[in-house]
Every structure is written in structure tokens, then in C-alpha cells.
């Protein structure tokens, strides 16, 4: 239970489910007054929690594919360490190389990207394992959660758009039916729901994309590689 409600799960996974279910939850609260009382809210919370497990599994299954599509040549942290990559300052890259040579016995340098790829993959994987302590490396933890949140959202973008579209159609039909058949509904509330659906749909289409994932991954890469200069990491490893 502690792990389920850990900060990473809340930020990178459960928050994704909340965003996905947001249009449905908002509409329920607007149109059904009974849902606003405590007992109904608790029921909805438990139902949403049950659904979250399924949605999280789906998003995680898709997230690996999303990362491969965004980074066919490897994640930014590995790419930045490649000899041919000029993103990092030459002096900074040399400093990182020296750090890995001092702490990884099998780390060797090569001017060939193909030969260097195994070295950078291994080095970055090791560095991730050494910086998991969020209290010692809060920036890395923060950027890692942002990255997880971004690619998990992108993983369920298609079904998020489908849900918003279905609700948009439903509310549009309801408004048309009200105008033609004089339904006994609160038109203002349905319009509020329609506006909410449009905003959520725009969020999925405009904001959640590969560019968001790439931007978060680059920030995470910088934070992760910067830990090579962190006294916390060097002190721990030298003990």
C-alpha cells in the first residue's frame, strides 16, 4: 500500500488516471447532485481507484513503445555521452567520462558511437541506480516523475481523445434534443459539461505529444548526468 501511494506512483501514474477520468468525473459532479454528497463521492473514488489499476497497466504497456518512438537512437542521457554528440560542452563531457572511469572498472572510451553505446548504456543505468534516493537527489526525482507523467499520458492519448469525443457528442446531442423536444434538463449545466469536454479534448490534442516527452527526457538527462559532479554521490561512492 505504501508503494501504491508513493510519490512517484501518485505523480507519474495515478495523476495520469485522474487526468484521463477528469471529464467523466466533472460531468458527473455537474449533472448529478447526489454525487456531491460524501457517500457517493467515496463510491466514485473507489470505482476510480479500481479502474486506475487497469489504466496504469495499459499506459505502462504503451510507455515503452512511446519512448522508443521518441528516442529511436537511445535516451538523451546516453546520446549526450556519445563521441559524435555535441550537445554537452567538451570539458563537461570529459569530466563525466573521468567520473565513470573512476567508479566503473569496466568503463572504457571509444571514438566510435557503436562501440561506445554499450558503455554509455551501462554507465547511465548504473548512475540511475545510484541516484534513486529522492532526498539526496530531489531534482533528479522531480524530473523523473515529470518524464513518467508525460510518457504515461502520451501512452493513453488515443483513448483519452476517444473518451472526450464521446462525451462531447453525447452533450451535443443532449443540447440539440433539448432545443427540439423541450427536455426537462438544466441546459446551463449541460453547456458547462460541453465546455469542459472541449477543454479536455484540446489538452489531449495540443499539449500531450512527443515534444512534451522529449522536453521532459532532456531535462531528466541533464539532471541525471549533473549528479556526476554532486558531492553527495562522490562522497558515498568514496566511502
C-alpha atoms as a PDB file:
ATOM      1  CA  UNK A   1       0.000   0.000   0.000  1.00  0.00           C
ATOM      2  CA  UNK A   2       2.862   2.348   0.818  1.00  0.00           C
ATOM      3  CA  UNK A   3       4.347   1.769  -2.625  1.00  0.00           C
ATOM      4  CA  UNK A   4       0.999   2.370  -4.369  1.00  0.00           C
ATOM      5  CA  UNK A   5       0.713   5.771  -2.747  1.00  0.00           C
ATOM      6  CA  UNK A   6       4.402   6.580  -3.090  1.00  0.00           C
ATOM      7  CA  UNK A   7       5.211   9.979  -4.527  1.00  0.00           C
ATOM      8  CA  UNK A   8       6.348   8.516  -7.879  1.00  0.00           C
ATOM      9  CA  UNK A   9       3.153   6.486  -8.321  1.00  0.00           C
ATOM     10  CA  UNK A  10       0.993   9.459  -7.388  1.00  0.00           C
ATOM     11  CA  UNK A  11       2.773  11.899  -9.703  1.00  0.00           C
ATOM     12  CA  UNK A  12       3.540   9.644 -12.671  1.00  0.00           C
ATOM     13  CA  UNK A  13       0.738   7.077 -12.686  1.00  0.00           C
ATOM     14  CA  UNK A  14      -2.277   7.883 -10.519  1.00  0.00           C
ATOM     15  CA  UNK A  15      -2.231  11.501 -11.739  1.00  0.00           C
ATOM     16  CA  UNK A  16      -2.449  10.150 -15.298  1.00  0.00           C
ATOM     17  CA  UNK A  17      -5.620   8.268 -14.377  1.00  0.00           C
ATOM     18  CA  UNK A  18      -7.098  11.389 -12.783  1.00  0.00           C
ATOM     19  CA  UNK A  19      -6.431  13.393 -15.952  1.00  0.00           C
ATOM     20  CA  UNK A  20      -7.963  10.637 -18.065  1.00  0.00           C
ATOM     21  CA  UNK A  21     -11.123  10.360 -15.935  1.00  0.00           C
ATOM     22  CA  UNK A  22     -11.412  14.121 -15.356  1.00  0.00           C
ATOM     23  CA  UNK A  23     -14.098  14.842 -17.996  1.00  0.00           C
ATOM     24  CA  UNK A  24     -16.254  11.965 -16.757  1.00  0.00           C
ATOM     25  CA  UNK A  25     -15.866  12.945 -13.100  1.00  0.00           C
ATOM     26  CA  UNK A  26     -16.508  16.642 -13.800  1.00  0.00           C
ATOM     27  CA  UNK A  27     -19.651  15.855 -15.775  1.00  0.00           C
ATOM     28  CA  UNK A  28     -20.931  13.523 -13.073  1.00  0.00           C
ATOM     29  CA  UNK A  29     -20.487  16.183 -10.401  1.00  0.00           C
ATOM     30  CA  UNK A  30     -22.139  18.853 -12.526  1.00  0.00           C
ATOM     31  CA  UNK A  31     -25.163  16.869 -13.686  1.00  0.00           C
ATOM     32  CA  UNK A  32     -25.847  14.553 -10.730  1.00  0.00           C
ATOM     33  CA  UNK A  33     -26.306  16.459  -7.438  1.00  0.00           C
ATOM     34  CA  UNK A  34     -26.398  13.221  -5.423  1.00  0.00           C
ATOM     35  CA  UNK A  35     -22.788  12.515  -6.374  1.00  0.00           C
ATOM     36  CA  UNK A  36     -21.692  15.601  -4.486  1.00  0.00           C
ATOM     37  CA  UNK A  37     -22.502  14.105  -1.088  1.00  0.00           C
ATOM     38  CA  UNK A  38     -19.834  12.288   0.884  1.00  0.00           C
ATOM     39  CA  UNK A  39     -21.055   8.689   0.466  1.00  0.00           C
ATOM     40  CA  UNK A  40     -21.391   8.972  -3.312  1.00  0.00           C
ATOM     41  CA  UNK A  41     -18.003  10.661  -3.550  1.00  0.00           C
ATOM     42  CA  UNK A  42     -16.416   7.760  -1.675  1.00  0.00           C
ATOM     43  CA  UNK A  43     -18.059   5.264  -4.022  1.00  0.00           C
ATOM     44  CA  UNK A  44     -16.789   7.125  -7.076  1.00  0.00           C
ATOM     45  CA  UNK A  45     -13.333   7.311  -5.506  1.00  0.00           C
ATOM     46  CA  UNK A  46     -13.209   3.536  -5.003  1.00  0.00           C
ATOM     47  CA  UNK A  47     -14.504   2.857  -8.520  1.00  0.00           C
ATOM     48  CA  UNK A  48     -11.949   5.270  -9.989  1.00  0.00           C
ATOM     49  CA  UNK A  49      -9.222   3.606  -7.921  1.00  0.00           C
ATOM     50  CA  UNK A  50     -10.242   0.179  -9.243  1.00  0.00           C
ATOM     51  CA  UNK A  51     -10.163   1.465 -12.815  1.00  0.00           C
ATOM     52  CA  UNK A  52      -6.810   3.132 -12.220  1.00  0.00           C
ATOM     53  CA  UNK A  53      -5.046  -0.225 -11.983  1.00  0.00           C
ATOM     54  CA  UNK A  54      -6.221  -1.207 -15.450  1.00  0.00           C
ATOM     55  CA  UNK A  55      -5.434   2.187 -16.954  1.00  0.00           C
ATOM     56  CA  UNK A  56      -1.979   2.223 -15.359  1.00  0.00           C
ATOM     57  CA  UNK A  57      -1.220  -1.237 -16.795  1.00  0.00           C
ATOM     58  CA  UNK A  58      -2.323  -0.072 -20.244  1.00  0.00           C
ATOM     59  CA  UNK A  59      -0.282   3.129 -20.085  1.00  0.00           C
ATOM     60  CA  UNK A  60       2.816   1.276 -18.873  1.00  0.00           C
ATOM     61  CA  UNK A  61       2.466  -1.253 -21.696  1.00  0.00           C
ATOM     62  CA  UNK A  62       2.391   1.598 -24.170  1.00  0.00           C
ATOM     63  CA  UNK A  63       5.081   3.711 -22.495  1.00  0.00           C
ATOM     64  CA  UNK A  64       7.980   1.541 -23.686  1.00  0.00           C
ATOM     65  CA  UNK A  65       6.797   1.910 -27.264  1.00  0.00           C
ATOM     66  CA  UNK A  66       6.356   5.657 -26.756  1.00  0.00           C
ATOM     67  CA  UNK A  67       9.953   6.054 -25.552  1.00  0.00           C
ATOM     68  CA  UNK A  68      11.268   4.024 -28.480  1.00  0.00           C
ATOM     69  CA  UNK A  69       9.316   6.203 -30.907  1.00  0.00           C
ATOM     70  CA  UNK A  70      10.575   9.410 -29.301  1.00  0.00           C
ATOM     71  CA  UNK A  71      14.155   8.201 -28.959  1.00  0.00           C
ATOM     72  CA  UNK A  72      14.964   5.572 -31.619  1.00  0.00           C
ATOM     73  CA  UNK A  73      18.705   6.079 -31.037  1.00  0.00           C
ATOM     74  CA  UNK A  74      18.588   5.891 -27.246  1.00  0.00           C
ATOM     75  CA  UNK A  75      17.523   8.171 -24.414  1.00  0.00           C
ATOM     76  CA  UNK A  76      19.073  11.667 -24.195  1.00  0.00           C
ATOM     77  CA  UNK A  77      21.397  10.798 -21.300  1.00  0.00           C
ATOM     78  CA  UNK A  78      23.038   8.066 -23.379  1.00  0.00           C
ATOM     79  CA  UNK A  79      23.036  10.196 -26.530  1.00  0.00           C
ATOM     80  CA  UNK A  80      24.752  13.108 -24.799  1.00  0.00           C
ATOM     81  CA  UNK A  81      27.681  10.849 -23.882  1.00  0.00           C
ATOM     82  CA  UNK A  82      28.258   9.688 -27.440  1.00  0.00           C
ATOM     83  CA  UNK A  83      31.548  10.890 -29.019  1.00  0.00           C
ATOM     84  CA  UNK A  84      29.755  12.365 -32.039  1.00  0.00           C
ATOM     85  CA  UNK A  85      27.144  14.217 -29.960  1.00  0.00           C
ATOM     86  CA  UNK A  86      27.979  17.884 -29.395  1.00  0.00           C
ATOM     87  CA  UNK A  87      25.141  18.763 -27.026  1.00  0.00           C
ATOM     88  CA  UNK A  88      27.430  18.823 -23.986  1.00  0.00           C
ATOM     89  CA  UNK A  89      30.440  21.061 -23.678  1.00  0.00           C
ATOM     90  CA  UNK A  90      33.618  19.092 -24.436  1.00  0.00           C
ATOM     91  CA  UNK A  91      35.079  19.798 -20.993  1.00  0.00           C
ATOM     92  CA  UNK A  92      31.864  18.726 -19.279  1.00  0.00           C
ATOM     93  CA  UNK A  93      31.729  15.505 -21.265  1.00  0.00           C
ATOM     94  CA  UNK A  94      35.365  14.736 -20.410  1.00  0.00           C
ATOM     95  CA  UNK A  95      34.563  15.309 -16.745  1.00  0.00           C
ATOM     96  CA  UNK A  96      31.691  12.839 -16.934  1.00  0.00           C
ATOM     97  CA  UNK A  97      33.909  10.318 -18.714  1.00  0.00           C
ATOM     98  CA  UNK A  98      36.511  10.620 -15.958  1.00  0.00           C
ATOM     99  CA  UNK A  99      33.824  10.126 -13.319  1.00  0.00           C
ATOM    100  CA  UNK A 100      32.671   6.868 -14.889  1.00  0.00           C
ATOM    101  CA  UNK A 101      36.251   5.651 -15.396  1.00  0.00           C
ATOM    102  CA  UNK A 102      36.959   6.288 -11.703  1.00  0.00           C
ATOM    103  CA  UNK A 103      33.824   4.484 -10.471  1.00  0.00           C
ATOM    104  CA  UNK A 104      33.226   1.774 -13.076  1.00  0.00           C
ATOM    105  CA  UNK A 105      36.070  -0.664 -13.571  1.00  0.00           C
ATOM    106  CA  UNK A 106      34.855  -1.837 -16.990  1.00  0.00           C
ATOM    107  CA  UNK A 107      34.127   1.613 -18.429  1.00  0.00           C
ATOM    108  CA  UNK A 108      36.295   2.296 -21.482  1.00  0.00           C
ATOM    109  CA  UNK A 109      36.265   5.114 -24.011  1.00  0.00           C
ATOM    110  CA  UNK A 110      35.958   4.805 -27.765  1.00  0.00           C
ATOM    111  CA  UNK A 111      35.599   7.315 -30.574  1.00  0.00           C
ATOM    112  CA  UNK A 112      33.166   5.007 -32.339  1.00  0.00           C
ATOM    113  CA  UNK A 113      29.495   5.515 -31.436  1.00  0.00           C
ATOM    114  CA  UNK A 114      28.570   1.865 -31.927  1.00  0.00           C
ATOM    115  CA  UNK A 115      31.351   0.691 -29.617  1.00  0.00           C
ATOM    116  CA  UNK A 116      30.585   3.432 -27.108  1.00  0.00           C
ATOM    117  CA  UNK A 117      26.857   2.698 -26.947  1.00  0.00           C
ATOM    118  CA  UNK A 118      27.244  -0.311 -24.641  1.00  0.00           C
ATOM    119  CA  UNK A 119      29.467   1.732 -22.353  1.00  0.00           C
ATOM    120  CA  UNK A 120      27.049   4.659 -22.124  1.00  0.00           C
ATOM    121  CA  UNK A 121      24.030   2.381 -21.629  1.00  0.00           C
ATOM    122  CA  UNK A 122      25.780   0.596 -18.796  1.00  0.00           C
ATOM    123  CA  UNK A 123      27.063   3.819 -17.232  1.00  0.00           C
ATOM    124  CA  UNK A 124      23.685   5.575 -17.292  1.00  0.00           C
ATOM    125  CA  UNK A 125      21.897   2.503 -15.926  1.00  0.00           C
ATOM    126  CA  UNK A 126      24.402   2.389 -13.072  1.00  0.00           C
ATOM    127  CA  UNK A 127      24.023   6.126 -12.465  1.00  0.00           C
ATOM    128  CA  UNK A 128      20.248   5.773 -12.226  1.00  0.00           C
ATOM    129  CA  UNK A 129      20.639   3.050  -9.600  1.00  0.00           C
ATOM    130  CA  UNK A 130      22.960   5.282  -7.570  1.00  0.00           C
ATOM    131  CA  UNK A 131      20.634   8.292  -7.572  1.00  0.00           C
ATOM    132  CA  UNK A 132      17.312   6.734  -6.557  1.00  0.00           C
ATOM    133  CA  UNK A 133      17.341   8.426  -3.153  1.00  0.00           C
ATOM    134  CA  UNK A 134      14.926  11.320  -3.704  1.00  0.00           C
ATOM    135  CA  UNK A 135      16.006  13.116  -0.531  1.00  0.00           C
ATOM    136  CA  UNK A 136      19.631  13.251  -1.723  1.00  0.00           C
ATOM    137  CA  UNK A 137      18.795  13.914  -5.371  1.00  0.00           C
ATOM    138  CA  UNK A 138      15.475  15.808  -5.361  1.00  0.00           C
ATOM    139  CA  UNK A 139      15.958  17.386  -8.785  1.00  0.00           C
ATOM    140  CA  UNK A 140      16.539  14.007 -10.439  1.00  0.00           C
ATOM    141  CA  UNK A 141      13.463  12.594  -8.707  1.00  0.00           C
ATOM    142  CA  UNK A 142      11.387  15.588  -9.806  1.00  0.00           C
ATOM    143  CA  UNK A 143      12.475  15.357 -13.447  1.00  0.00           C
ATOM    144  CA  UNK A 144      11.999  11.588 -13.435  1.00  0.00           C
ATOM    145  CA  UNK A 145       8.407  11.968 -12.202  1.00  0.00           C
ATOM    146  CA  UNK A 146       7.701  14.608 -14.839  1.00  0.00           C
ATOM    147  CA  UNK A 147       9.049  12.283 -17.531  1.00  0.00           C
ATOM    148  CA  UNK A 148       6.968   9.357 -16.260  1.00  0.00           C
ATOM    149  CA  UNK A 149       3.863  11.547 -16.149  1.00  0.00           C
ATOM    150  CA  UNK A 150       4.464  12.779 -19.708  1.00  0.00           C
ATOM    151  CA  UNK A 151       5.043   9.415 -21.403  1.00  0.00           C
ATOM    152  CA  UNK A 152       2.262   7.687 -19.465  1.00  0.00           C
ATOM    153  CA  UNK A 153      -0.155  10.396 -20.600  1.00  0.00           C
ATOM    154  CA  UNK A 154       1.028  10.036 -24.180  1.00  0.00           C
ATOM    155  CA  UNK A 155       0.555   6.282 -23.874  1.00  0.00           C
ATOM    156  CA  UNK A 156      -3.198   6.685 -23.291  1.00  0.00           C
ATOM    157  CA  UNK A 157      -3.691   9.740 -25.514  1.00  0.00           C
ATOM    158  CA  UNK A 158      -5.790   7.855 -28.062  1.00  0.00           C
ATOM    159  CA  UNK A 159      -8.323   6.552 -25.538  1.00  0.00           C
ATOM    160  CA  UNK A 160      -8.307   9.913 -23.744  1.00  0.00           C
ATOM    161  CA  UNK A 161      -9.329  11.603 -27.004  1.00  0.00           C
ATOM    162  CA  UNK A 162     -11.964   8.916 -27.595  1.00  0.00           C
ATOM    163  CA  UNK A 163     -13.500   9.435 -24.150  1.00  0.00           C
ATOM    164  CA  UNK A 164     -13.635  13.224 -24.550  1.00  0.00           C
ATOM    165  CA  UNK A 165     -15.062  12.902 -28.069  1.00  0.00           C
ATOM    166  CA  UNK A 166     -17.814  10.520 -26.944  1.00  0.00           C
ATOM    167  CA  UNK A 167     -18.791  12.831 -24.108  1.00  0.00           C
ATOM    168  CA  UNK A 168     -18.698  15.835 -26.430  1.00  0.00           C
ATOM    169  CA  UNK A 169     -21.046  14.052 -28.851  1.00  0.00           C
ATOM    170  CA  UNK A 170     -23.346  12.983 -26.018  1.00  0.00           C
ATOM    171  CA  UNK A 171     -23.629  16.505 -24.626  1.00  0.00           C
ATOM    172  CA  UNK A 172     -24.091  17.990 -28.099  1.00  0.00           C
ATOM    173  CA  UNK A 173     -26.933  15.554 -28.806  1.00  0.00           C
ATOM    174  CA  UNK A 174     -28.465  16.421 -25.433  1.00  0.00           C
ATOM    175  CA  UNK A 175     -28.448  20.139 -26.271  1.00  0.00           C
ATOM    176  CA  UNK A 176     -29.986  19.504 -29.701  1.00  0.00           C
ATOM    177  CA  UNK A 177     -32.639  17.269 -28.144  1.00  0.00           C
ATOM    178  CA  UNK A 178     -33.403  19.969 -25.577  1.00  0.00           C
ATOM    179  CA  UNK A 179     -33.969  22.530 -28.318  1.00  0.00           C
ATOM    180  CA  UNK A 180     -36.152  20.221 -30.423  1.00  0.00           C
ATOM    181  CA  UNK A 181     -38.093  18.274 -27.825  1.00  0.00           C
ATOM    182  CA  UNK A 182     -38.039  20.649 -24.845  1.00  0.00           C
ATOM    183  CA  UNK A 183     -36.360  18.208 -22.467  1.00  0.00           C
ATOM    184  CA  UNK A 184     -36.617  18.924 -18.746  1.00  0.00           C
ATOM    185  CA  UNK A 185     -32.932  19.397 -18.081  1.00  0.00           C
ATOM    186  CA  UNK A 186     -30.780  22.248 -16.853  1.00  0.00           C
ATOM    187  CA  UNK A 187     -29.337  23.482 -20.136  1.00  0.00           C
ATOM    188  CA  UNK A 188     -26.693  25.628 -18.433  1.00  0.00           C
ATOM    189  CA  UNK A 189     -25.211  22.600 -16.680  1.00  0.00           C
ATOM    190  CA  UNK A 190     -25.026  20.633 -19.933  1.00  0.00           C
ATOM    191  CA  UNK A 191     -23.295  23.594 -21.581  1.00  0.00           C
ATOM    192  CA  UNK A 192     -20.770  23.677 -18.718  1.00  0.00           C
ATOM    193  CA  UNK A 193     -20.104  19.979 -19.363  1.00  0.00           C
ATOM    194  CA  UNK A 194     -19.711  20.646 -23.081  1.00  0.00           C
ATOM    195  CA  UNK A 195     -17.159  23.385 -22.394  1.00  0.00           C
ATOM    196  CA  UNK A 196     -15.287  21.047 -20.050  1.00  0.00           C
ATOM    197  CA  UNK A 197     -15.219  18.352 -22.752  1.00  0.00           C
ATOM    198  CA  UNK A 198     -13.836  20.798 -25.318  1.00  0.00           C
ATOM    199  CA  UNK A 199     -11.105  21.979 -22.942  1.00  0.00           C
ATOM    200  CA  UNK A 200     -10.090  18.418 -22.065  1.00  0.00           C
ATOM    201  CA  UNK A 201     -10.056  17.445 -25.738  1.00  0.00           C
ATOM    202  CA  UNK A 202      -7.864  20.452 -26.574  1.00  0.00           C
ATOM    203  CA  UNK A 203      -5.497  19.451 -23.766  1.00  0.00           C
ATOM    204  CA  UNK A 204      -5.088  15.940 -25.201  1.00  0.00           C
ATOM    205  CA  UNK A 205      -4.622  17.161 -28.767  1.00  0.00           C
ATOM    206  CA  UNK A 206      -2.439  20.239 -28.216  1.00  0.00           C
ATOM    207  CA  UNK A 207      -0.455  19.717 -25.015  1.00  0.00           C
ATOM    208  CA  UNK A 208       0.165  15.977 -24.805  1.00  0.00           C
ATOM    209  CA  UNK A 209       2.560  14.999 -27.581  1.00  0.00           C
ATOM    210  CA  UNK A 210       6.040  13.673 -28.331  1.00  0.00           C
ATOM    211  CA  UNK A 211       7.540  17.129 -27.896  1.00  0.00           C
ATOM    212  CA  UNK A 212       6.425  17.132 -24.251  1.00  0.00           C
ATOM    213  CA  UNK A 213       8.048  13.746 -23.627  1.00  0.00           C
ATOM    214  CA  UNK A 214      11.258  14.760 -25.414  1.00  0.00           C
ATOM    215  CA  UNK A 215      11.481  18.000 -23.423  1.00  0.00           C
ATOM    216  CA  UNK A 216      10.994  16.166 -20.107  1.00  0.00           C
ATOM    217  CA  UNK A 217      13.527  13.493 -21.088  1.00  0.00           C
ATOM    218  CA  UNK A 218      16.152  16.106 -21.898  1.00  0.00           C
ATOM    219  CA  UNK A 219      15.646  17.819 -18.549  1.00  0.00           C
ATOM    220  CA  UNK A 220      15.894  14.471 -16.786  1.00  0.00           C
ATOM    221  CA  UNK A 221      19.088  13.649 -18.699  1.00  0.00           C
ATOM    222  CA  UNK A 222      20.711  16.916 -17.633  1.00  0.00           C
ATOM    223  CA  UNK A 223      19.725  16.399 -14.005  1.00  0.00           C
ATOM    224  CA  UNK A 224      20.926  12.788 -14.039  1.00  0.00           C
ATOM    225  CA  UNK A 225      24.303  13.492 -15.648  1.00  0.00           C
ATOM    226  CA  UNK A 226      24.847  16.515 -13.412  1.00  0.00           C
ATOM    227  CA  UNK A 227      24.893  14.141 -10.450  1.00  0.00           C
ATOM    228  CA  UNK A 228      28.388  13.098 -11.603  1.00  0.00           C
ATOM    229  CA  UNK A 229      29.509  16.409 -10.077  1.00  0.00           C
ATOM    230  CA  UNK A 230      27.344  16.065  -6.969  1.00  0.00           C
ATOM    231  CA  UNK A 231      29.299  15.818  -3.716  1.00  0.00           C
ATOM    232  CA  UNK A 232      26.594  13.530  -2.296  1.00  0.00           C
ATOM    233  CA  UNK A 233      27.271  10.870  -4.912  1.00  0.00           C
ATOM    234  CA  UNK A 234      31.049  11.192  -4.886  1.00  0.00           C
ATOM    235  CA  UNK A 235      31.171  11.120  -1.077  1.00  0.00           C
ATOM    236  CA  UNK A 236      29.005   7.996  -0.873  1.00  0.00           C
ATOM    237  CA  UNK A 237      30.993   6.149  -3.513  1.00  0.00           C
ATOM    238  CA  UNK A 238      34.344   7.023  -1.975  1.00  0.00           C
ATOM    239  CA  UNK A 239      33.454   5.670   1.456  1.00  0.00           C
END
